[in-house]
């Protein structure tokens, strides 16, 4: 009895590429891509560690052949620059409350839209989804007039309110969809044990929604920290956020690169540190629901 020959199915091009993706060549390629992507950050860091005259004379790569040019004097000047230090404090005072409000209000609203019954729930959620497409630029003039009327224009509180209002639609949309994936049987079992809505939210939904909430917090922190348009219009001109302060330094003193370089690096490294600190939760939140 003869056995029929086994014919191997020919793999597609995509399958062959995927099979080779774990190889050493692909790893080297990805490392090179990562280094190329980080090159501007590395260049900014090395520039911030050079004297202003050295920066004007040659590029940042010169430091590899002249490491004696490295100095921390620029960071000392940065700490002595009250404009930059005050702007960093203002940025923190705007970013942290905004992130907290968006996460808390978005979590409560997301839970309500996912698991609570109230009149017009679906229509209200459609309205929230519709607000996602409203550009910030459309609201700048009317909101400026409103804030001026109620006395919060050019205040930290006004910037916080603006960022919170425009951050909530995405927060509610994201968390509602995540909370809706929680098994109904789990919530019903908690209700049978006597848990009310508040206890159900704090003891069941919030722990399960931790990855999505962490992802939202990271997104919101990065958006607000790096914002310049809203801060330029609504923030107090006497204590602007770091993005506006750096822009003003360029406009007023175009040659003070010894302050601008370390200031820009500090403003960039803080959100990077936040991202890497919560990287595990961020990846879990992004991948949530991808695998059943």
C-alpha atoms as a PDB file:
ATOM      1  CA  UNK A   1       0.000   0.000   0.000  1.00  0.00           C
ATOM      2  CA  UNK A   2       1.537   3.268  -1.119  1.00  0.00           C
ATOM      3  CA  UNK A   3       1.201   6.481   0.797  1.00  0.00           C
ATOM      4  CA  UNK A   4       0.173   9.551  -1.097  1.00  0.00           C
ATOM      5  CA  UNK A   5       2.888  12.203  -1.082  1.00  0.00           C
ATOM      6  CA  UNK A   6       2.278  15.105   1.246  1.00  0.00           C
ATOM      7  CA  UNK A   7       2.165  18.357  -0.667  1.00  0.00           C
ATOM      8  CA  UNK A   8       3.203  21.414   1.324  1.00  0.00           C
ATOM      9  CA  UNK A   9       0.936  24.375   0.928  1.00  0.00           C
ATOM     10  CA  UNK A  10       2.873  27.308  -0.408  1.00  0.00           C
ATOM     11  CA  UNK A  11       3.050  30.111   2.101  1.00  0.00           C
ATOM     12  CA  UNK A  12       2.003  33.562   1.094  1.00  0.00           C
ATOM     13  CA  UNK A  13       4.458  36.445   1.044  1.00  0.00           C
ATOM     14  CA  UNK A  14       2.940  37.878   4.220  1.00  0.00           C
ATOM     15  CA  UNK A  15       3.259  34.552   6.019  1.00  0.00           C
ATOM     16  CA  UNK A  16       6.915  34.219   4.991  1.00  0.00           C
ATOM     17  CA  UNK A  17       7.657  37.744   6.215  1.00  0.00           C
ATOM     18  CA  UNK A  18       5.897  37.026   9.501  1.00  0.00           C
ATOM     19  CA  UNK A  19       7.850  33.800   9.921  1.00  0.00           C
ATOM     20  CA  UNK A  20      11.128  35.654   9.497  1.00  0.00           C
ATOM     21  CA  UNK A  21      10.079  38.537  11.774  1.00  0.00           C
ATOM     22  CA  UNK A  22      11.515  36.826  14.845  1.00  0.00           C
ATOM     23  CA  UNK A  23      14.917  36.347  13.260  1.00  0.00           C
ATOM     24  CA  UNK A  24      18.096  38.187  14.118  1.00  0.00           C
ATOM     25  CA  UNK A  25      18.034  40.301  10.962  1.00  0.00           C
ATOM     26  CA  UNK A  26      14.602  41.661  11.791  1.00  0.00           C
ATOM     27  CA  UNK A  27      15.650  42.437  15.355  1.00  0.00           C
ATOM     28  CA  UNK A  28      18.662  44.395  14.115  1.00  0.00           C
ATOM     29  CA  UNK A  29      16.451  46.252  11.667  1.00  0.00           C
ATOM     30  CA  UNK A  30      13.964  47.182  14.379  1.00  0.00           C
ATOM     31  CA  UNK A  31      16.769  48.366  16.661  1.00  0.00           C
ATOM     32  CA  UNK A  32      18.102  50.586  13.880  1.00  0.00           C
ATOM     33  CA  UNK A  33      14.621  51.996  13.267  1.00  0.00           C
ATOM     34  CA  UNK A  34      14.279  52.686  16.992  1.00  0.00           C
ATOM     35  CA  UNK A  35      17.642  54.457  17.121  1.00  0.00           C
ATOM     36  CA  UNK A  36      16.737  56.517  14.067  1.00  0.00           C
ATOM     37  CA  UNK A  37      13.440  57.492  15.704  1.00  0.00           C
ATOM     38  CA  UNK A  38      15.254  58.490  18.913  1.00  0.00           C
ATOM     39  CA  UNK A  39      17.955  60.475  17.108  1.00  0.00           C
ATOM     40  CA  UNK A  40      16.262  63.896  17.550  1.00  0.00           C
ATOM     41  CA  UNK A  41      15.860  63.203  21.271  1.00  0.00           C
ATOM     42  CA  UNK A  42      19.492  62.116  21.581  1.00  0.00           C
ATOM     43  CA  UNK A  43      20.606  65.183  19.635  1.00  0.00           C
ATOM     44  CA  UNK A  44      18.578  67.465  21.915  1.00  0.00           C
ATOM     45  CA  UNK A  45      20.042  65.814  25.027  1.00  0.00           C
ATOM     46  CA  UNK A  46      23.623  66.180  23.791  1.00  0.00           C
ATOM     47  CA  UNK A  47      22.988  69.773  22.716  1.00  0.00           C
ATOM     48  CA  UNK A  48      21.674  70.568  26.172  1.00  0.00           C
ATOM     49  CA  UNK A  49      25.002  69.350  27.597  1.00  0.00           C
ATOM     50  CA  UNK A  50      27.132  71.671  25.423  1.00  0.00           C
ATOM     51  CA  UNK A  51      28.080  75.298  25.817  1.00  0.00           C
ATOM     52  CA  UNK A  52      26.315  77.862  23.634  1.00  0.00           C
ATOM     53  CA  UNK A  53      29.545  78.685  21.759  1.00  0.00           C
ATOM     54  CA  UNK A  54      30.172  75.002  21.023  1.00  0.00           C
ATOM     55  CA  UNK A  55      26.598  74.587  19.785  1.00  0.00           C
ATOM     56  CA  UNK A  56      27.026  77.539  17.438  1.00  0.00           C
ATOM     57  CA  UNK A  57      30.366  76.240  16.155  1.00  0.00           C
ATOM     58  CA  UNK A  58      29.459  72.624  15.332  1.00  0.00           C
ATOM     59  CA  UNK A  59      26.740  70.003  15.449  1.00  0.00           C
ATOM     60  CA  UNK A  60      25.885  67.847  18.458  1.00  0.00           C
ATOM     61  CA  UNK A  61      27.703  64.827  16.972  1.00  0.00           C
ATOM     62  CA  UNK A  62      31.010  66.624  17.624  1.00  0.00           C
ATOM     63  CA  UNK A  63      30.660  65.525  21.237  1.00  0.00           C
ATOM     64  CA  UNK A  64      31.695  61.984  20.285  1.00  0.00           C
ATOM     65  CA  UNK A  65      35.141  63.258  19.285  1.00  0.00           C
ATOM     66  CA  UNK A  66      35.338  65.960  21.976  1.00  0.00           C
ATOM     67  CA  UNK A  67      33.658  64.600  25.121  1.00  0.00           C
ATOM     68  CA  UNK A  68      35.315  67.372  27.158  1.00  0.00           C
ATOM     69  CA  UNK A  69      32.580  69.694  25.858  1.00  0.00           C
ATOM     70  CA  UNK A  70      30.054  67.995  28.141  1.00  0.00           C
ATOM     71  CA  UNK A  71      28.840  70.315  30.881  1.00  0.00           C
ATOM     72  CA  UNK A  72      25.836  70.657  33.188  1.00  0.00           C
ATOM     73  CA  UNK A  73      26.094  74.443  33.312  1.00  0.00           C
ATOM     74  CA  UNK A  74      23.084  74.778  31.011  1.00  0.00           C
ATOM     75  CA  UNK A  75      20.870  72.970  33.511  1.00  0.00           C
ATOM     76  CA  UNK A  76      22.137  75.235  36.269  1.00  0.00           C
ATOM     77  CA  UNK A  77      21.150  78.238  34.149  1.00  0.00           C
ATOM     78  CA  UNK A  78      17.792  76.592  33.545  1.00  0.00           C
ATOM     79  CA  UNK A  79      17.169  76.263  37.286  1.00  0.00           C
ATOM     80  CA  UNK A  80      18.150  79.902  37.704  1.00  0.00           C
ATOM     81  CA  UNK A  81      15.683  80.965  34.988  1.00  0.00           C
ATOM     82  CA  UNK A  82      12.484  81.761  36.886  1.00  0.00           C
ATOM     83  CA  UNK A  83      10.418  81.907  33.686  1.00  0.00           C
ATOM     84  CA  UNK A  84      11.148  78.276  32.815  1.00  0.00           C
ATOM     85  CA  UNK A  85      10.821  76.914  36.351  1.00  0.00           C
ATOM     86  CA  UNK A  86       7.535  78.757  36.923  1.00  0.00           C
ATOM     87  CA  UNK A  87       6.232  77.497  33.595  1.00  0.00           C
ATOM     88  CA  UNK A  88       7.024  73.908  34.569  1.00  0.00           C
ATOM     89  CA  UNK A  89       5.061  74.384  37.779  1.00  0.00           C
ATOM     90  CA  UNK A  90       2.157  75.899  35.820  1.00  0.00           C
ATOM     91  CA  UNK A  91       2.195  72.945  33.430  1.00  0.00           C
ATOM     92  CA  UNK A  92       2.002  70.500  36.341  1.00  0.00           C
ATOM     93  CA  UNK A  93      -0.841  72.501  37.918  1.00  0.00           C
ATOM     94  CA  UNK A  94      -2.779  72.277  34.638  1.00  0.00           C
ATOM     95  CA  UNK A  95      -1.962  68.718  33.595  1.00  0.00           C
ATOM     96  CA  UNK A  96      -2.549  66.806  36.838  1.00  0.00           C
ATOM     97  CA  UNK A  97      -6.020  68.219  37.695  1.00  0.00           C
ATOM     98  CA  UNK A  98      -7.143  67.888  34.085  1.00  0.00           C
ATOM     99  CA  UNK A  99      -6.036  64.263  33.874  1.00  0.00           C
ATOM    100  CA  UNK A 100      -7.692  63.478  37.211  1.00  0.00           C
ATOM    101  CA  UNK A 101     -10.997  65.105  36.250  1.00  0.00           C
ATOM    102  CA  UNK A 102     -11.135  63.456  32.837  1.00  0.00           C
ATOM    103  CA  UNK A 103     -10.374  59.999  34.271  1.00  0.00           C
ATOM    104  CA  UNK A 104     -12.853  60.269  37.156  1.00  0.00           C
ATOM    105  CA  UNK A 105     -15.736  61.856  35.231  1.00  0.00           C
ATOM    106  CA  UNK A 106     -15.084  59.672  32.172  1.00  0.00           C
ATOM    107  CA  UNK A 107     -15.098  56.527  34.326  1.00  0.00           C
ATOM    108  CA  UNK A 108     -18.384  57.428  36.015  1.00  0.00           C
ATOM    109  CA  UNK A 109     -20.046  58.378  32.736  1.00  0.00           C
ATOM    110  CA  UNK A 110     -18.651  55.323  30.946  1.00  0.00           C
ATOM    111  CA  UNK A 111     -20.079  53.048  33.617  1.00  0.00           C
ATOM    112  CA  UNK A 112     -23.451  54.813  33.459  1.00  0.00           C
ATOM    113  CA  UNK A 113     -23.654  54.462  29.673  1.00  0.00           C
ATOM    114  CA  UNK A 114     -22.568  50.825  29.816  1.00  0.00           C
ATOM    115  CA  UNK A 115     -24.633  49.384  32.676  1.00  0.00           C
ATOM    116  CA  UNK A 116     -27.236  51.841  33.936  1.00  0.00           C
ATOM    117  CA  UNK A 117     -30.672  52.362  32.445  1.00  0.00           C
ATOM    118  CA  UNK A 118     -31.948  55.915  32.087  1.00  0.00           C
ATOM    119  CA  UNK A 119     -34.144  57.738  29.543  1.00  0.00           C
ATOM    120  CA  UNK A 120     -32.427  58.521  26.257  1.00  0.00           C
ATOM    121  CA  UNK A 121     -29.229  56.678  27.148  1.00  0.00           C
ATOM    122  CA  UNK A 122     -28.385  55.648  23.595  1.00  0.00           C
ATOM    123  CA  UNK A 123     -29.178  59.101  22.183  1.00  0.00           C
ATOM    124  CA  UNK A 124     -27.009  60.782  24.786  1.00  0.00           C
ATOM    125  CA  UNK A 125     -24.170  58.412  23.942  1.00  0.00           C
ATOM    126  CA  UNK A 126     -24.548  59.208  20.244  1.00  0.00           C
ATOM    127  CA  UNK A 127     -24.241  62.882  21.155  1.00  0.00           C
ATOM    128  CA  UNK A 128     -21.007  62.136  23.012  1.00  0.00           C
ATOM    129  CA  UNK A 129     -19.663  60.253  19.998  1.00  0.00           C
ATOM    130  CA  UNK A 130     -20.633  63.188  17.771  1.00  0.00           C
ATOM    131  CA  UNK A 131     -18.600  65.553  19.955  1.00  0.00           C
ATOM    132  CA  UNK A 132     -15.474  63.563  19.080  1.00  0.00           C
ATOM    133  CA  UNK A 133     -15.400  65.143  15.627  1.00  0.00           C
ATOM    134  CA  UNK A 134     -15.703  68.742  16.858  1.00  0.00           C
ATOM    135  CA  UNK A 135     -12.298  70.411  16.311  1.00  0.00           C
ATOM    136  CA  UNK A 136     -10.807  72.502  19.076  1.00  0.00           C
ATOM    137  CA  UNK A 137     -10.324  75.451  16.727  1.00  0.00           C
ATOM    138  CA  UNK A 138     -14.086  75.843  16.267  1.00  0.00           C
ATOM    139  CA  UNK A 139     -14.603  76.487  19.982  1.00  0.00           C
ATOM    140  CA  UNK A 140     -11.729  78.890  20.617  1.00  0.00           C
ATOM    141  CA  UNK A 141     -13.581  82.170  19.961  1.00  0.00           C
ATOM    142  CA  UNK A 142     -16.967  81.362  21.570  1.00  0.00           C
ATOM    143  CA  UNK A 143     -15.342  79.741  24.609  1.00  0.00           C
ATOM    144  CA  UNK A 144     -12.984  82.726  24.945  1.00  0.00           C
ATOM    145  CA  UNK A 145     -15.984  85.050  25.050  1.00  0.00           C
ATOM    146  CA  UNK A 146     -17.740  82.800  27.565  1.00  0.00           C
ATOM    147  CA  UNK A 147     -14.691  82.567  29.811  1.00  0.00           C
ATOM    148  CA  UNK A 148     -14.224  86.331  29.609  1.00  0.00           C
ATOM    149  CA  UNK A 149     -17.842  86.879  30.648  1.00  0.00           C
ATOM    150  CA  UNK A 150     -17.615  84.640  33.709  1.00  0.00           C
ATOM    151  CA  UNK A 151     -14.118  85.838  34.628  1.00  0.00           C
ATOM    152  CA  UNK A 152     -11.950  82.763  34.075  1.00  0.00           C
ATOM    153  CA  UNK A 153     -10.206  83.810  30.847  1.00  0.00           C
ATOM    154  CA  UNK A 154      -6.387  83.710  31.131  1.00  0.00           C
ATOM    155  CA  UNK A 155      -6.535  81.648  34.310  1.00  0.00           C
ATOM    156  CA  UNK A 156      -5.272  78.182  35.164  1.00  0.00           C
ATOM    157  CA  UNK A 157      -8.800  77.143  36.050  1.00  0.00           C
ATOM    158  CA  UNK A 158     -10.018  78.153  32.583  1.00  0.00           C
ATOM    159  CA  UNK A 159      -7.348  76.041  30.863  1.00  0.00           C
ATOM    160  CA  UNK A 160      -8.254  73.065  33.057  1.00  0.00           C
ATOM    161  CA  UNK A 161     -11.961  73.439  32.231  1.00  0.00           C
ATOM    162  CA  UNK A 162     -11.275  73.675  28.485  1.00  0.00           C
ATOM    163  CA  UNK A 163      -9.044  70.592  28.405  1.00  0.00           C
ATOM    164  CA  UNK A 164     -11.475  68.663  30.594  1.00  0.00           C
ATOM    165  CA  UNK A 165     -14.448  69.484  28.368  1.00  0.00           C
ATOM    166  CA  UNK A 166     -12.653  68.429  25.198  1.00  0.00           C
ATOM    167  CA  UNK A 167     -11.091  65.358  26.782  1.00  0.00           C
ATOM    168  CA  UNK A 168     -14.335  63.894  28.131  1.00  0.00           C
ATOM    169  CA  UNK A 169     -15.939  62.717  24.843  1.00  0.00           C
ATOM    170  CA  UNK A 170     -13.015  60.444  24.023  1.00  0.00           C
ATOM    171  CA  UNK A 171     -12.752  59.301  27.653  1.00  0.00           C
ATOM    172  CA  UNK A 172     -16.437  58.389  27.856  1.00  0.00           C
ATOM    173  CA  UNK A 173     -16.358  56.640  24.476  1.00  0.00           C
ATOM    174  CA  UNK A 174     -13.258  54.601  25.372  1.00  0.00           C
ATOM    175  CA  UNK A 175     -14.323  53.573  28.869  1.00  0.00           C
ATOM    176  CA  UNK A 176     -17.938  52.864  27.969  1.00  0.00           C
ATOM    177  CA  UNK A 177     -16.846  50.389  25.304  1.00  0.00           C
ATOM    178  CA  UNK A 178     -14.372  48.786  27.703  1.00  0.00           C
ATOM    179  CA  UNK A 179     -16.827  48.529  30.596  1.00  0.00           C
ATOM    180  CA  UNK A 180     -19.461  47.044  28.298  1.00  0.00           C
ATOM    181  CA  UNK A 181     -17.177  44.024  27.776  1.00  0.00           C
ATOM    182  CA  UNK A 182     -17.341  43.091  31.466  1.00  0.00           C
ATOM    183  CA  UNK A 183     -19.438  39.906  31.856  1.00  0.00           C
ATOM    184  CA  UNK A 184     -22.976  40.719  32.918  1.00  0.00           C
ATOM    185  CA  UNK A 185     -23.044  37.647  35.173  1.00  0.00           C
ATOM    186  CA  UNK A 186     -20.247  39.128  37.283  1.00  0.00           C
ATOM    187  CA  UNK A 187     -22.182  42.326  37.906  1.00  0.00           C
ATOM    188  CA  UNK A 188     -25.413  40.474  38.588  1.00  0.00           C
ATOM    189  CA  UNK A 189     -23.644  38.236  41.126  1.00  0.00           C
ATOM    190  CA  UNK A 190     -22.343  41.341  42.903  1.00  0.00           C
ATOM    191  CA  UNK A 191     -25.844  42.822  42.960  1.00  0.00           C
ATOM    192  CA  UNK A 192     -27.233  39.601  44.438  1.00  0.00           C
ATOM    193  CA  UNK A 193     -24.662  39.944  47.209  1.00  0.00           C
ATOM    194  CA  UNK A 194     -26.151  43.324  48.055  1.00  0.00           C
ATOM    195  CA  UNK A 195     -23.730  45.625  46.232  1.00  0.00           C
ATOM    196  CA  UNK A 196     -25.173  48.979  45.224  1.00  0.00           C
ATOM    197  CA  UNK A 197     -24.131  50.963  42.167  1.00  0.00           C
ATOM    198  CA  UNK A 198     -21.366  52.860  43.982  1.00  0.00           C
ATOM    199  CA  UNK A 199     -19.899  49.729  45.545  1.00  0.00           C
ATOM    200  CA  UNK A 200     -20.266  47.875  42.254  1.00  0.00           C
ATOM    201  CA  UNK A 201     -18.397  50.634  40.460  1.00  0.00           C
ATOM    202  CA  UNK A 202     -15.558  50.960  42.983  1.00  0.00           C
ATOM    203  CA  UNK A 203     -15.072  47.287  43.885  1.00  0.00           C
ATOM    204  CA  UNK A 204     -15.788  45.495  40.601  1.00  0.00           C
ATOM    205  CA  UNK A 205     -15.703  47.790  37.586  1.00  0.00           C
ATOM    206  CA  UNK A 206     -12.755  50.002  38.527  1.00  0.00           C
ATOM    207  CA  UNK A 207     -10.321  47.120  39.264  1.00  0.00           C
ATOM    208  CA  UNK A 208     -11.290  45.358  36.037  1.00  0.00           C
ATOM    209  CA  UNK A 209     -11.028  48.602  34.077  1.00  0.00           C
ATOM    210  CA  UNK A 210      -7.585  49.471  35.431  1.00  0.00           C
ATOM    211  CA  UNK A 211      -5.681  48.957  32.144  1.00  0.00           C
ATOM    212  CA  UNK A 212      -8.134  51.068  30.121  1.00  0.00           C
ATOM    213  CA  UNK A 213      -8.163  53.788  32.777  1.00  0.00           C
ATOM    214  CA  UNK A 214      -4.357  53.828  32.856  1.00  0.00           C
ATOM    215  CA  UNK A 215      -4.240  54.124  29.054  1.00  0.00           C
ATOM    216  CA  UNK A 216      -6.692  57.016  29.163  1.00  0.00           C
ATOM    217  CA  UNK A 217      -4.669  58.734  31.873  1.00  0.00           C
ATOM    218  CA  UNK A 218      -1.475  58.453  29.834  1.00  0.00           C
ATOM    219  CA  UNK A 219      -3.153  59.779  26.687  1.00  0.00           C
ATOM    220  CA  UNK A 220      -4.709  62.699  28.527  1.00  0.00           C
ATOM    221  CA  UNK A 221      -1.481  63.555  30.347  1.00  0.00           C
ATOM    222  CA  UNK A 222       0.486  63.631  27.092  1.00  0.00           C
ATOM    223  CA  UNK A 223      -2.138  65.686  25.255  1.00  0.00           C
ATOM    224  CA  UNK A 224      -2.365  68.356  27.931  1.00  0.00           C
ATOM    225  CA  UNK A 225       1.353  68.485  28.705  1.00  0.00           C
ATOM    226  CA  UNK A 226       2.310  68.964  25.050  1.00  0.00           C
ATOM    227  CA  UNK A 227      -0.529  71.354  24.207  1.00  0.00           C
ATOM    228  CA  UNK A 228       0.385  74.806  22.987  1.00  0.00           C
ATOM    229  CA  UNK A 229      -2.666  76.167  21.151  1.00  0.00           C
ATOM    230  CA  UNK A 230      -5.072  76.171  24.101  1.00  0.00           C
ATOM    231  CA  UNK A 231      -2.358  77.296  26.512  1.00  0.00           C
ATOM    232  CA  UNK A 232      -1.360  80.152  24.214  1.00  0.00           C
ATOM    233  CA  UNK A 233      -4.921  81.514  24.202  1.00  0.00           C
ATOM    234  CA  UNK A 234      -6.394  80.659  27.608  1.00  0.00           C
ATOM    235  CA  UNK A 235      -3.419  80.490  29.992  1.00  0.00           C
ATOM    236  CA  UNK A 236      -2.272  83.351  32.185  1.00  0.00           C
ATOM    237  CA  UNK A 237       0.375  85.309  30.289  1.00  0.00           C
ATOM    238  CA  UNK A 238       2.285  85.894  33.542  1.00  0.00           C
ATOM    239  CA  UNK A 239       2.632  82.155  34.271  1.00  0.00           C
ATOM    240  CA  UNK A 240       2.318  80.270  30.973  1.00  0.00           C
ATOM    241  CA  UNK A 241       2.874  76.506  30.563  1.00  0.00           C
ATOM    242  CA  UNK A 242       6.248  75.242  29.420  1.00  0.00           C
ATOM    243  CA  UNK A 243       5.309  75.029  25.732  1.00  0.00           C
ATOM    244  CA  UNK A 244       4.323  78.701  25.632  1.00  0.00           C
ATOM    245  CA  UNK A 245       7.290  79.750  27.764  1.00  0.00           C
ATOM    246  CA  UNK A 246       9.752  78.068  25.395  1.00  0.00           C
ATOM    247  CA  UNK A 247       8.041  79.680  22.406  1.00  0.00           C
ATOM    248  CA  UNK A 248       8.338  83.086  24.053  1.00  0.00           C
ATOM    249  CA  UNK A 249      12.010  82.477  24.782  1.00  0.00           C
ATOM    250  CA  UNK A 250      12.619  81.774  21.104  1.00  0.00           C
ATOM    251  CA  UNK A 251      10.726  84.886  20.075  1.00  0.00           C
ATOM    252  CA  UNK A 252      12.447  87.201  22.556  1.00  0.00           C
ATOM    253  CA  UNK A 253      15.947  85.715  22.754  1.00  0.00           C
ATOM    254  CA  UNK A 254      16.578  83.695  19.636  1.00  0.00           C
ATOM    255  CA  UNK A 255      20.209  82.933  20.500  1.00  0.00           C
ATOM    256  CA  UNK A 256      19.815  81.557  24.042  1.00  0.00           C
ATOM    257  CA  UNK A 257      20.047  77.934  22.970  1.00  0.00           C
ATOM    258  CA  UNK A 258      21.845  77.144  26.239  1.00  0.00           C
ATOM    259  CA  UNK A 259      18.464  77.648  27.999  1.00  0.00           C
ATOM    260  CA  UNK A 260      16.154  76.434  25.250  1.00  0.00           C
ATOM    261  CA  UNK A 261      17.872  73.066  24.737  1.00  0.00           C
ATOM    262  CA  UNK A 262      17.736  71.869  28.373  1.00  0.00           C
ATOM    263  CA  UNK A 263      14.256  73.385  28.790  1.00  0.00           C
ATOM    264  CA  UNK A 264      12.949  71.523  25.757  1.00  0.00           C
ATOM    265  CA  UNK A 265      14.578  68.282  26.897  1.00  0.00           C
ATOM    266  CA  UNK A 266      13.110  68.538  30.408  1.00  0.00           C
ATOM    267  CA  UNK A 267       9.650  69.263  28.989  1.00  0.00           C
ATOM    268  CA  UNK A 268       9.965  66.177  26.795  1.00  0.00           C
ATOM    269  CA  UNK A 269      11.532  63.745  29.252  1.00  0.00           C
ATOM    270  CA  UNK A 270       8.789  64.137  31.879  1.00  0.00           C
ATOM    271  CA  UNK A 271       5.956  62.742  29.689  1.00  0.00           C
ATOM    272  CA  UNK A 272       8.350  60.051  28.453  1.00  0.00           C
ATOM    273  CA  UNK A 273       9.001  59.051  32.064  1.00  0.00           C
ATOM    274  CA  UNK A 274       5.260  58.914  32.733  1.00  0.00           C
ATOM    275  CA  UNK A 275       4.718  56.736  29.672  1.00  0.00           C
ATOM    276  CA  UNK A 276       7.449  54.252  30.558  1.00  0.00           C
ATOM    277  CA  UNK A 277       6.328  54.147  34.195  1.00  0.00           C
ATOM    278  CA  UNK A 278       2.856  52.986  33.119  1.00  0.00           C
ATOM    279  CA  UNK A 279       3.914  51.123  29.975  1.00  0.00           C
ATOM    280  CA  UNK A 280       2.630  47.760  31.173  1.00  0.00           C
ATOM    281  CA  UNK A 281      -0.827  49.142  31.970  1.00  0.00           C
ATOM    282  CA  UNK A 282      -0.858  51.040  28.684  1.00  0.00           C
ATOM    283  CA  UNK A 283      -0.152  47.929  26.614  1.00  0.00           C
ATOM    284  CA  UNK A 284      -2.743  45.954  28.576  1.00  0.00           C
ATOM    285  CA  UNK A 285      -5.338  48.650  27.949  1.00  0.00           C
ATOM    286  CA  UNK A 286      -4.602  48.868  24.230  1.00  0.00           C
ATOM    287  CA  UNK A 287      -4.735  45.087  23.847  1.00  0.00           C
ATOM    288  CA  UNK A 288      -7.822  44.670  26.034  1.00  0.00           C
ATOM    289  CA  UNK A 289     -10.530  42.880  24.121  1.00  0.00           C
ATOM    290  CA  UNK A 290      -8.205  41.819  21.294  1.00  0.00           C
ATOM    291  CA  UNK A 291      -8.040  38.240  22.579  1.00  0.00           C
ATOM    292  CA  UNK A 292     -11.087  36.535  24.037  1.00  0.00           C
END
